[in-house]
Protein backbone atom coordinates (compact mmCIF):
# COMPACT_ATOMS: atom_id res chain seq x y z
CA MET A 1 281.54 140.62 -14.45
CA LYS A 2 283.73 137.74 -15.58
CA THR A 3 284.45 136.86 -19.20
CA LEU A 4 284.69 133.18 -19.99
CA LYS A 5 287.38 132.11 -22.40
CA ARG A 6 287.63 128.90 -24.37
CA THR A 7 290.60 127.53 -26.24
CA VAL A 8 289.62 125.97 -29.53
CA LYS A 9 292.04 123.88 -31.56
CA LEU A 10 291.93 124.95 -35.20
CA GLU A 11 293.19 122.96 -38.15
CA GLY A 12 294.77 124.73 -41.06
CA ASP A 13 293.94 123.90 -44.65
CA PHE A 14 296.48 123.53 -47.48
CA LEU A 15 299.32 126.08 -47.52
CA ASN A 16 301.30 127.10 -50.57
CA GLU A 17 305.09 126.62 -50.52
CA TRP A 18 305.95 130.20 -49.48
CA LYS A 19 303.57 130.19 -46.49
CA TYR A 20 304.78 126.75 -45.43
CA ARG A 21 308.44 127.80 -45.66
CA VAL A 22 307.87 131.00 -43.65
CA LEU A 23 305.98 129.17 -40.88
CA ARG A 24 308.62 126.44 -40.87
CA GLU A 25 311.37 129.07 -40.36
CA VAL A 26 309.48 130.54 -37.39
CA GLU A 27 309.07 127.01 -36.00
CA GLU A 28 312.80 126.26 -36.34
CA HIS A 29 313.78 129.54 -34.64
CA GLN A 30 311.24 128.87 -31.86
CA ARG A 31 312.63 125.35 -31.27
CA LYS A 32 316.22 126.62 -31.14
CA ILE A 33 315.41 129.54 -28.83
CA VAL A 34 313.29 127.45 -26.42
CA ASN A 35 315.95 124.74 -26.13
CA GLU A 36 318.61 127.39 -25.39
CA MET A 37 316.35 129.02 -22.80
CA ILE A 38 315.63 125.69 -21.10
CA GLY A 39 319.36 125.07 -20.72
CA VAL A 40 319.97 128.55 -19.28
CA ILE A 41 317.02 128.38 -16.86
CA LEU A 42 318.19 125.04 -15.49
CA SER A 43 321.89 125.95 -15.31
CA GLU A 44 321.27 129.32 -13.62
CA GLY A 45 318.43 128.04 -11.44
CA LEU A 46 316.09 130.83 -12.57
CA GLN A 47 312.50 131.19 -11.42
CA THR A 48 309.92 130.42 -14.07
CA THR A 49 307.81 133.54 -13.60
CA ARG A 50 307.08 135.49 -16.75
CA LYS A 51 308.61 138.69 -15.33
CA LYS A 52 311.92 137.04 -14.37
CA LEU A 53 312.18 135.27 -17.71
CA HIS A 54 311.43 138.50 -19.59
CA GLU A 55 314.13 140.36 -17.65
CA ARG A 56 316.67 137.63 -18.35
CA PHE A 57 315.96 136.74 -21.98
CA TYR A 58 314.05 139.39 -23.94
CA SER A 59 316.78 141.94 -24.64
CA ASP A 60 319.42 139.25 -25.34
CA TYR A 61 317.29 137.39 -27.86
CA LYS A 62 315.88 140.56 -29.44
CA GLU A 63 319.50 141.56 -30.11
CA LYS A 64 320.40 138.11 -31.40
CA TYR A 65 317.28 137.77 -33.62
CA PRO A 66 316.27 141.32 -34.62
CA PHE A 67 314.27 140.06 -37.61
CA LEU A 68 311.84 138.00 -35.49
CA PRO A 69 308.65 139.61 -34.18
CA SER A 70 308.84 140.18 -30.43
CA ARG A 71 305.91 137.84 -29.84
CA VAL A 72 308.03 134.86 -30.98
CA ILE A 73 310.59 135.63 -28.28
CA GLU A 74 307.87 136.31 -25.69
CA GLY A 75 306.13 133.06 -26.60
CA ALA A 76 309.45 131.19 -26.41
CA TYR A 77 310.21 132.19 -22.84
CA VAL A 78 306.62 131.48 -21.80
CA VAL A 79 306.87 127.96 -23.28
CA ALA A 80 310.36 127.40 -21.82
CA GLY A 81 309.11 128.47 -18.39
CA ARG A 82 306.17 126.05 -18.55
CA ILE A 83 308.41 123.17 -19.63
CA VAL A 84 311.01 123.80 -16.91
CA LYS A 85 308.36 124.21 -14.20
CA SER A 86 306.73 120.92 -15.18
CA PHE A 87 310.14 119.21 -15.43
CA ARG A 88 311.17 120.37 -11.96
CA GLU A 89 307.92 119.07 -10.45
CA ARG A 90 308.30 115.71 -12.19
CA ARG A 91 311.97 115.44 -11.15
CA LYS A 92 311.02 116.19 -7.54
CA ARG A 93 308.57 113.25 -7.63
CA GLY A 94 311.16 111.02 -9.33
CA LEU A 95 309.20 110.68 -12.57
CA THR A 96 311.97 111.64 -15.00
CA ARG A 97 315.25 109.98 -15.89
CA LYS A 98 316.68 112.82 -17.95
CA ASP A 99 318.77 115.69 -16.64
CA LYS A 100 317.19 118.18 -19.06
CA PRO A 101 313.82 118.26 -20.88
CA GLU A 102 313.63 118.26 -24.68
CA TYR A 103 311.40 120.52 -26.73
CA LYS A 104 310.45 118.45 -29.76
CA ARG A 105 306.85 119.20 -30.62
CA VAL A 106 306.79 122.91 -31.43
CA MET A 107 303.77 124.92 -30.39
CA ILE A 108 303.96 128.57 -31.32
CA THR A 109 302.36 130.63 -28.57
CA ILE A 110 300.98 134.05 -29.51
CA PRO A 111 300.81 135.97 -26.22
CA ASN A 112 298.90 139.03 -27.43
CA MET A 113 296.14 140.01 -29.86
CA VAL A 114 298.25 142.49 -31.85
CA ASN A 115 300.11 139.84 -33.85
CA TRP A 116 297.24 137.77 -35.19
CA ARG A 117 293.81 138.28 -36.76
CA PHE A 118 290.86 135.92 -36.97
CA ASN A 119 288.06 136.34 -39.51
CA LYS A 120 286.13 133.00 -39.21
CA VAL A 121 287.56 131.72 -42.51
CA SER A 122 291.26 132.16 -41.83
CA VAL A 123 293.83 133.21 -39.25
CA SER A 124 296.50 135.74 -40.19
CA VAL A 125 299.75 135.61 -38.22
CA LEU A 126 302.53 138.20 -38.20
CA THR A 127 305.89 136.61 -39.03
CA HIS A 128 309.36 137.91 -39.85
CA LYS A 129 308.31 137.98 -43.54
CA GLY A 130 305.02 139.82 -42.98
CA TRP A 131 301.45 138.62 -42.52
CA VAL A 132 300.75 134.98 -43.42
CA GLU A 133 297.12 133.96 -43.89
CA ILE A 134 296.29 130.39 -42.88
CA PRO A 135 292.97 129.10 -44.28
CA LEU A 136 290.99 127.02 -41.77
CA LYS A 137 289.31 123.63 -42.05
CA PHE A 138 285.83 123.53 -40.61
CA THR A 139 285.93 120.87 -37.90
CA LYS A 140 283.14 119.84 -35.53
CA GLN A 141 284.67 121.77 -32.60
CA PHE A 142 285.26 124.82 -34.81
CA THR A 143 281.63 125.00 -35.96
CA ARG A 144 280.32 124.43 -32.42
CA TYR A 145 282.23 127.26 -30.74
CA VAL A 146 282.96 129.83 -33.42
């Protein structure tokens, strides 16, 4: 039997200053790590499979950023792999003028269920400062699927 999955975009409600600062720190680390990984993948000509990226990056970045949860590093190499794969395809078709893609709009990917909790009113995410609870806005899509 097959389980259907649906991705639902959730909007967060107002965050206090501490929660905002903690999430912003995670975002800044994610941006820095992904941009570094993109450069390394392109310069070394690495494959973009999750296994190869894990072998190349996980231990190095876990050593460099021991305070970050492992899911931030895992999410970073997943995102970097997607970006590089898409960039290589676009470059092959002649659709890009840059020599390297940029990662501007940060999307934090949580690759496993251990590091976040959902209780229909809020989402709690594990960060380097502990659990951060993000209250949710009730949007049309949210009420339809959740």
